[in-house]
Amino acid sequence: MSVKQALLALLEEGPRYGYQLRAQFEQRTGATWPLNVGQVYTTLTRLERDGLVVGAGADGEGHVVYRITDEGRDAVAAWFTTPVERTQPPRDELAIKLALAVTVPGVDVATVIQQQRSATMSALQDYTRLKRQAEGGELSWSLVLDSLVFAAEAEIRWLDHCEARLRRAQLERPETLLEEILADEADEEARR
């Protein structure tokens, strides 16, 4: 997620200070990705350095208010019209965990899969409940919820796939182990 572009997009609606930007971002995304206010101000400093925003003075309470520049508007337009690249997939902790679990001795991979499936099912139920509560509400939050539901459903399908692959590997493994045992016994007999 690009905090930079999100803040620029919010500033297109009008000047704001950091706390307002953070609140607007979290309100529109349902606080799914909470922002640290320090991260917001650090990003605003970089945006100002890069000429995408300018400090527009202080409001009545002393907050520095930022407004977007023409270059910032161009950057937002480019962001909205450029597809999200998939060439560098984000790190997926679950995929990493399972990749390691199948290679580390003593890990009960089936249990890892079952525990994750239970947690993901619980999350899916929560997202579905939130969708029902949000019906007729703000479109932005509804779209975020749709994304979370689809991602959870896809994760469950992937876990089912992993479980099936694990079962197949376990069915193949006894044959491999039996072949190794028979080969070892043949080697021992040949040495005698």
C-alpha atoms as a PDB file:
ATOM      1  CA  MET A   1       0.000   0.000   0.000  1.00  0.00           C
ATOM      2  CA  SER A   2       1.293   3.421  -0.860  1.00  0.00           C
ATOM      3  CA  VAL A   3       0.748   5.875   1.953  1.00  0.00           C
ATOM      4  CA  LYS A   4       2.286   8.552  -0.250  1.00  0.00           C
ATOM      5  CA  GLN A   5      -0.327   8.243  -2.998  1.00  0.00           C
ATOM      6  CA  ALA A   6      -3.174   7.813  -0.517  1.00  0.00           C
ATOM      7  CA  LEU A   7      -2.273  11.066   1.245  1.00  0.00           C
ATOM      8  CA  LEU A   8      -1.946  12.870  -2.086  1.00  0.00           C
ATOM      9  CA  ALA A   9      -5.364  11.584  -3.141  1.00  0.00           C
ATOM     10  CA  LEU A  10      -6.893  12.895   0.087  1.00  0.00           C
ATOM     11  CA  LEU A  11      -5.172  16.258  -0.336  1.00  0.00           C
ATOM     12  CA  GLU A  12      -6.760  16.606  -3.776  1.00  0.00           C
ATOM     13  CA  GLU A  13     -10.022  17.235  -1.947  1.00  0.00           C
ATOM     14  CA  GLY A  14      -8.537  20.180  -0.110  1.00  0.00           C
ATOM     15  CA  PRO A  15      -5.835  21.245   2.352  1.00  0.00           C
ATOM     16  CA  ARG A  16      -5.480  19.190   5.532  1.00  0.00           C
ATOM     17  CA  TYR A  17      -3.069  18.613   8.370  1.00  0.00           C
ATOM     18  CA  GLY A  18      -1.608  15.248   9.348  1.00  0.00           C
ATOM     19  CA  TYR A  19      -4.169  14.146  11.932  1.00  0.00           C
ATOM     20  CA  GLN A  20      -6.996  14.960   9.509  1.00  0.00           C
ATOM     21  CA  LEU A  21      -5.311  12.939   6.763  1.00  0.00           C
ATOM     22  CA  ARG A  22      -4.835   9.986   9.086  1.00  0.00           C
ATOM     23  CA  ALA A  23      -8.470  10.139  10.242  1.00  0.00           C
ATOM     24  CA  GLN A  24      -9.764  10.392   6.655  1.00  0.00           C
ATOM     25  CA  PHE A  25      -7.588   7.493   5.508  1.00  0.00           C
ATOM     26  CA  GLU A  26      -8.732   5.256   8.363  1.00  0.00           C
ATOM     27  CA  GLN A  27     -12.372   6.275   7.972  1.00  0.00           C
ATOM     28  CA  ARG A  28     -12.373   5.450   4.262  1.00  0.00           C
ATOM     29  CA  THR A  29     -10.585   2.136   4.677  1.00  0.00           C
ATOM     30  CA  GLY A  30     -12.488   1.126   7.796  1.00  0.00           C
ATOM     31  CA  ALA A  31      -9.234   1.355   9.802  1.00  0.00           C
ATOM     32  CA  THR A  32      -8.159  -1.866   8.116  1.00  0.00           C
ATOM     33  CA  TRP A  33      -4.644  -0.452   7.715  1.00  0.00           C
ATOM     34  CA  PRO A  34      -4.146   1.934  10.641  1.00  0.00           C
ATOM     35  CA  LEU A  35      -1.613   4.671  10.054  1.00  0.00           C
ATOM     36  CA  ASN A  36       0.800   5.917  12.665  1.00  0.00           C
ATOM     37  CA  VAL A  37       0.573   9.708  12.764  1.00  0.00           C
ATOM     38  CA  GLY A  38       4.386   9.828  12.744  1.00  0.00           C
ATOM     39  CA  GLN A  39       4.323   7.937   9.447  1.00  0.00           C
ATOM     40  CA  VAL A  40       1.859  10.486   8.070  1.00  0.00           C
ATOM     41  CA  TYR A  41       4.056  13.452   9.010  1.00  0.00           C
ATOM     42  CA  THR A  42       7.216  11.741   7.758  1.00  0.00           C
ATOM     43  CA  THR A  43       5.472  11.084   4.442  1.00  0.00           C
ATOM     44  CA  LEU A  44       4.236  14.684   4.275  1.00  0.00           C
ATOM     45  CA  THR A  45       7.797  15.907   4.802  1.00  0.00           C
ATOM     46  CA  ARG A  46       9.005  13.748   1.908  1.00  0.00           C
ATOM     47  CA  LEU A  47       6.118  14.870  -0.291  1.00  0.00           C
ATOM     48  CA  GLU A  48       6.983  18.480   0.457  1.00  0.00           C
ATOM     49  CA  ARG A  49      10.674  17.825  -0.282  1.00  0.00           C
ATOM     50  CA  ASP A  50       9.679  16.252  -3.613  1.00  0.00           C
ATOM     51  CA  GLY A  51       7.471  19.222  -4.545  1.00  0.00           C
ATOM     52  CA  LEU A  52       4.207  17.250  -4.443  1.00  0.00           C
ATOM     53  CA  VAL A  53       2.721  19.204  -1.516  1.00  0.00           C
ATOM     54  CA  VAL A  54       3.422  22.534   0.139  1.00  0.00           C
ATOM     55  CA  GLY A  55       2.874  23.723   3.670  1.00  0.00           C
ATOM     56  CA  ALA A  56      -0.009  26.185   3.441  1.00  0.00           C
ATOM     57  CA  GLY A  57       0.485  27.768   6.853  1.00  0.00           C
ATOM     58  CA  ALA A  58      -1.095  26.860  10.152  1.00  0.00           C
ATOM     59  CA  ASP A  59      -4.708  26.601  11.146  1.00  0.00           C
ATOM     60  CA  GLY A  60      -6.167  28.296  14.218  1.00  0.00           C
ATOM     61  CA  GLU A  61      -4.843  25.530  16.475  1.00  0.00           C
ATOM     62  CA  GLY A  62      -1.300  25.687  15.123  1.00  0.00           C
ATOM     63  CA  HIS A  63      -1.461  22.581  12.915  1.00  0.00           C
ATOM     64  CA  VAL A  64       0.589  22.840   9.729  1.00  0.00           C
ATOM     65  CA  VAL A  65      -1.836  22.482   6.838  1.00  0.00           C
ATOM     66  CA  TYR A  66      -0.649  20.936   3.565  1.00  0.00           C
ATOM     67  CA  ARG A  67      -2.028  21.369   0.096  1.00  0.00           C
ATOM     68  CA  ILE A  68      -1.284  19.449  -3.070  1.00  0.00           C
ATOM     69  CA  THR A  69       0.725  20.978  -5.930  1.00  0.00           C
ATOM     70  CA  ASP A  70       0.141  20.509  -9.656  1.00  0.00           C
ATOM     71  CA  GLU A  71       2.959  17.927  -9.635  1.00  0.00           C
ATOM     72  CA  GLY A  72       1.145  16.156  -6.807  1.00  0.00           C
ATOM     73  CA  ARG A  73      -2.077  16.099  -8.812  1.00  0.00           C
ATOM     74  CA  ASP A  74      -0.183  14.597 -11.735  1.00  0.00           C
ATOM     75  CA  ALA A  75       1.271  11.940  -9.408  1.00  0.00           C
ATOM     76  CA  VAL A  76      -2.218  11.040  -8.109  1.00  0.00           C
ATOM     77  CA  ALA A  77      -3.613  10.836 -11.641  1.00  0.00           C
ATOM     78  CA  ALA A  78      -0.735   8.567 -12.656  1.00  0.00           C
ATOM     79  CA  TRP A  79      -1.296   6.372  -9.575  1.00  0.00           C
ATOM     80  CA  PHE A  80      -4.998   5.933 -10.295  1.00  0.00           C
ATOM     81  CA  THR A  81      -4.407   5.092 -13.953  1.00  0.00           C
ATOM     82  CA  THR A  82      -1.449   2.730 -13.476  1.00  0.00           C
ATOM     83  CA  PRO A  83      -2.196  -0.916 -12.617  1.00  0.00           C
ATOM     84  CA  VAL A  84      -0.705  -2.323  -9.424  1.00  0.00           C
ATOM     85  CA  GLU A  85       2.337  -4.341 -10.465  1.00  0.00           C
ATOM     86  CA  ARG A  86       2.453  -8.032  -9.678  1.00  0.00           C
ATOM     87  CA  THR A  87       6.060  -8.557 -10.764  1.00  0.00           C
ATOM     88  CA  GLN A  88       7.275  -8.273  -7.185  1.00  0.00           C
ATOM     89  CA  PRO A  89       4.642 -10.073  -5.120  1.00  0.00           C
ATOM     90  CA  PRO A  90       4.339  -8.954  -1.520  1.00  0.00           C
ATOM     91  CA  ARG A  91       5.785 -11.240   1.106  1.00  0.00           C
ATOM     92  CA  ASP A  92       3.139 -13.648   2.253  1.00  0.00           C
ATOM     93  CA  GLU A  93       3.919 -14.782   5.775  1.00  0.00           C
ATOM     94  CA  LEU A  94       1.623 -17.783   5.499  1.00  0.00           C
ATOM     95  CA  ALA A  95       3.227 -19.022   2.271  1.00  0.00           C
ATOM     96  CA  ILE A  96       6.667 -18.592   3.842  1.00  0.00           C
ATOM     97  CA  LYS A  97       5.536 -20.418   6.993  1.00  0.00           C
ATOM     98  CA  LEU A  98       4.186 -23.392   5.026  1.00  0.00           C
ATOM     99  CA  ALA A  99       7.202 -23.518   2.718  1.00  0.00           C
ATOM    100  CA  LEU A 100       9.430 -23.802   5.761  1.00  0.00           C
ATOM    101  CA  ALA A 101       7.098 -26.108   7.675  1.00  0.00           C
ATOM    102  CA  VAL A 102       7.294 -28.785   4.970  1.00  0.00           C
ATOM    103  CA  THR A 103      11.094 -28.684   5.102  1.00  0.00           C
ATOM    104  CA  VAL A 104      11.736 -28.460   8.849  1.00  0.00           C
ATOM    105  CA  PRO A 105      11.759 -31.851  10.587  1.00  0.00           C
ATOM    106  CA  GLY A 106       9.224 -32.373  13.347  1.00  0.00           C
ATOM    107  CA  VAL A 107       6.677 -29.791  12.189  1.00  0.00           C
ATOM    108  CA  ASP A 108       3.131 -31.119  11.950  1.00  0.00           C
ATOM    109  CA  VAL A 109       2.221 -29.359   8.721  1.00  0.00           C
ATOM    110  CA  ALA A 110      -1.361 -30.639   8.785  1.00  0.00           C
ATOM    111  CA  THR A 111      -1.860 -28.948  12.151  1.00  0.00           C
ATOM    112  CA  VAL A 112      -0.348 -25.707  10.843  1.00  0.00           C
ATOM    113  CA  ILE A 113      -2.809 -25.799   7.942  1.00  0.00           C
ATOM    114  CA  GLN A 114      -5.799 -26.628  10.166  1.00  0.00           C
ATOM    115  CA  GLN A 115      -5.004 -23.861  12.654  1.00  0.00           C
ATOM    116  CA  GLN A 116      -4.658 -21.334   9.874  1.00  0.00           C
ATOM    117  CA  ARG A 117      -7.869 -22.506   8.210  1.00  0.00           C
ATOM    118  CA  SER A 118      -9.729 -22.041  11.508  1.00  0.00           C
ATOM    119  CA  ALA A 119      -8.305 -18.543  11.968  1.00  0.00           C
ATOM    120  CA  THR A 120      -9.080 -17.590   8.376  1.00  0.00           C
ATOM    121  CA  MET A 121     -12.633 -18.961   8.637  1.00  0.00           C
ATOM    122  CA  SER A 122     -13.129 -16.889  11.778  1.00  0.00           C
ATOM    123  CA  ALA A 123     -11.838 -13.784   9.987  1.00  0.00           C
ATOM    124  CA  LEU A 124     -14.097 -14.529   7.019  1.00  0.00           C
ATOM    125  CA  GLN A 125     -17.091 -14.737   9.352  1.00  0.00           C
ATOM    126  CA  ASP A 126     -16.105 -11.400  10.915  1.00  0.00           C
ATOM    127  CA  TYR A 127     -15.749  -9.755   7.487  1.00  0.00           C
ATOM    128  CA  THR A 128     -19.099 -11.167   6.382  1.00  0.00           C
ATOM    129  CA  ARG A 129     -20.748  -9.849   9.549  1.00  0.00           C
ATOM    130  CA  LEU A 130     -19.200  -6.433   8.948  1.00  0.00           C
ATOM    131  CA  LYS A 131     -20.467  -6.484   5.336  1.00  0.00           C
ATOM    132  CA  ARG A 132     -24.012  -7.115   6.543  1.00  0.00           C
ATOM    133  CA  GLN A 133     -23.708  -4.243   9.017  1.00  0.00           C
ATOM    134  CA  ALA A 134     -22.230  -1.941   6.361  1.00  0.00           C
ATOM    135  CA  GLU A 135     -24.919  -2.606   3.729  1.00  0.00           C
ATOM    136  CA  GLY A 136     -26.081   0.676   2.305  1.00  0.00           C
ATOM    137  CA  GLY A 137     -23.157   2.453   3.943  1.00  0.00           C
ATOM    138  CA  GLU A 138     -20.047   3.996   2.527  1.00  0.00           C
ATOM    139  CA  LEU A 139     -18.895   2.442  -0.749  1.00  0.00           C
ATOM    140  CA  SER A 140     -15.177   2.778   0.066  1.00  0.00           C
ATOM    141  CA  TRP A 141     -15.469   0.665   3.230  1.00  0.00           C
ATOM    142  CA  SER A 142     -17.679  -1.840   1.416  1.00  0.00           C
ATOM    143  CA  LEU A 143     -15.030  -2.295  -1.303  1.00  0.00           C
ATOM    144  CA  VAL A 144     -12.337  -2.859   1.317  1.00  0.00           C
ATOM    145  CA  LEU A 145     -14.542  -5.466   2.986  1.00  0.00           C
ATOM    146  CA  ASP A 146     -15.146  -7.159  -0.380  1.00  0.00           C
ATOM    147  CA  SER A 147     -11.381  -7.370  -0.870  1.00  0.00           C
ATOM    148  CA  LEU A 148     -10.899  -8.886   2.586  1.00  0.00           C
ATOM    149  CA  VAL A 149     -13.673 -11.435   2.009  1.00  0.00           C
ATOM    150  CA  PHE A 150     -12.284 -12.471  -1.385  1.00  0.00           C
ATOM    151  CA  ALA A 151      -8.745 -12.724   0.025  1.00  0.00           C
ATOM    152  CA  ALA A 152      -9.930 -14.893   2.938  1.00  0.00           C
ATOM    153  CA  GLU A 153     -11.911 -17.134   0.581  1.00  0.00           C
ATOM    154  CA  ALA A 154      -8.874 -17.489  -1.679  1.00  0.00           C
ATOM    155  CA  GLU A 155      -6.679 -18.306   1.309  1.00  0.00           C
ATOM    156  CA  ILE A 156      -9.064 -21.053   2.395  1.00  0.00           C
ATOM    157  CA  ARG A 157      -9.028 -22.516  -1.131  1.00  0.00           C
ATOM    158  CA  TRP A 158      -5.225 -22.358  -1.134  1.00  0.00           C
ATOM    159  CA  LEU A 159      -5.072 -24.071   2.275  1.00  0.00           C
ATOM    160  CA  ASP A 160      -7.354 -26.824   0.924  1.00  0.00           C
ATOM    161  CA  HIS A 161      -4.965 -27.181  -2.002  1.00  0.00           C
ATOM    162  CA  CYS A 162      -1.959 -27.333   0.351  1.00  0.00           C
ATOM    163  CA  GLU A 163      -3.660 -29.983   2.449  1.00  0.00           C
ATOM    164  CA  ALA A 164      -4.390 -32.099  -0.642  1.00  0.00           C
ATOM    165  CA  ARG A 165      -0.780 -31.745  -1.831  1.00  0.00           C
ATOM    166  CA  LEU A 166       0.448 -32.732   1.632  1.00  0.00           C
ATOM    167  CA  ARG A 167      -1.759 -35.855   1.607  1.00  0.00           C
ATOM    168  CA  ARG A 168      -0.464 -36.823  -1.845  1.00  0.00           C
ATOM    169  CA  ALA A 169       3.119 -36.303  -0.710  1.00  0.00           C
ATOM    170  CA  GLN A 170       2.506 -38.458   2.362  1.00  0.00           C
ATOM    171  CA  LEU A 171       0.998 -41.208   0.203  1.00  0.00           C
ATOM    172  CA  GLU A 172       4.030 -41.082  -2.092  1.00  0.00           C
ATOM    173  CA  ARG A 173       6.510 -40.960   0.779  1.00  0.00           C
ATOM    174  CA  PRO A 174       5.896 -44.499   2.138  1.00  0.00           C
ATOM    175  CA  GLU A 175       6.767 -45.915  -1.276  1.00  0.00           C
ATOM    176  CA  THR A 176       9.915 -43.820  -1.370  1.00  0.00           C
ATOM    177  CA  LEU A 177      10.812 -44.874   2.161  1.00  0.00           C
ATOM    178  CA  LEU A 178      10.108 -48.510   1.353  1.00  0.00           C
ATOM    179  CA  GLU A 179      12.319 -48.260  -1.729  1.00  0.00           C
ATOM    180  CA  GLU A 180      15.093 -46.720   0.377  1.00  0.00           C
ATOM    181  CA  ILE A 181      14.793 -49.451   3.021  1.00  0.00           C
ATOM    182  CA  LEU A 182      14.858 -52.212   0.406  1.00  0.00           C
ATOM    183  CA  ALA A 183      17.874 -50.599  -1.290  1.00  0.00           C
ATOM    184  CA  ASP A 184      19.685 -50.366   2.057  1.00  0.00           C
ATOM    185  CA  GLU A 185      18.912 -54.020   2.816  1.00  0.00           C
ATOM    186  CA  ALA A 186      20.145 -55.051  -0.641  1.00  0.00           C
ATOM    187  CA  ASP A 187      23.356 -53.083  -0.075  1.00  0.00           C
ATOM    188  CA  GLU A 188      23.860 -54.798   3.295  1.00  0.00           C
ATOM    189  CA  GLU A 189      23.312 -58.242   1.797  1.00  0.00           C
ATOM    190  CA  ALA A 190      25.707 -57.472  -1.032  1.00  0.00           C
ATOM    191  CA  ARG A 191      28.380 -56.490   1.511  1.00  0.00           C
ATOM    192  CA  ARG A 192      27.944 -59.798   3.411  1.00  0.00           C
END
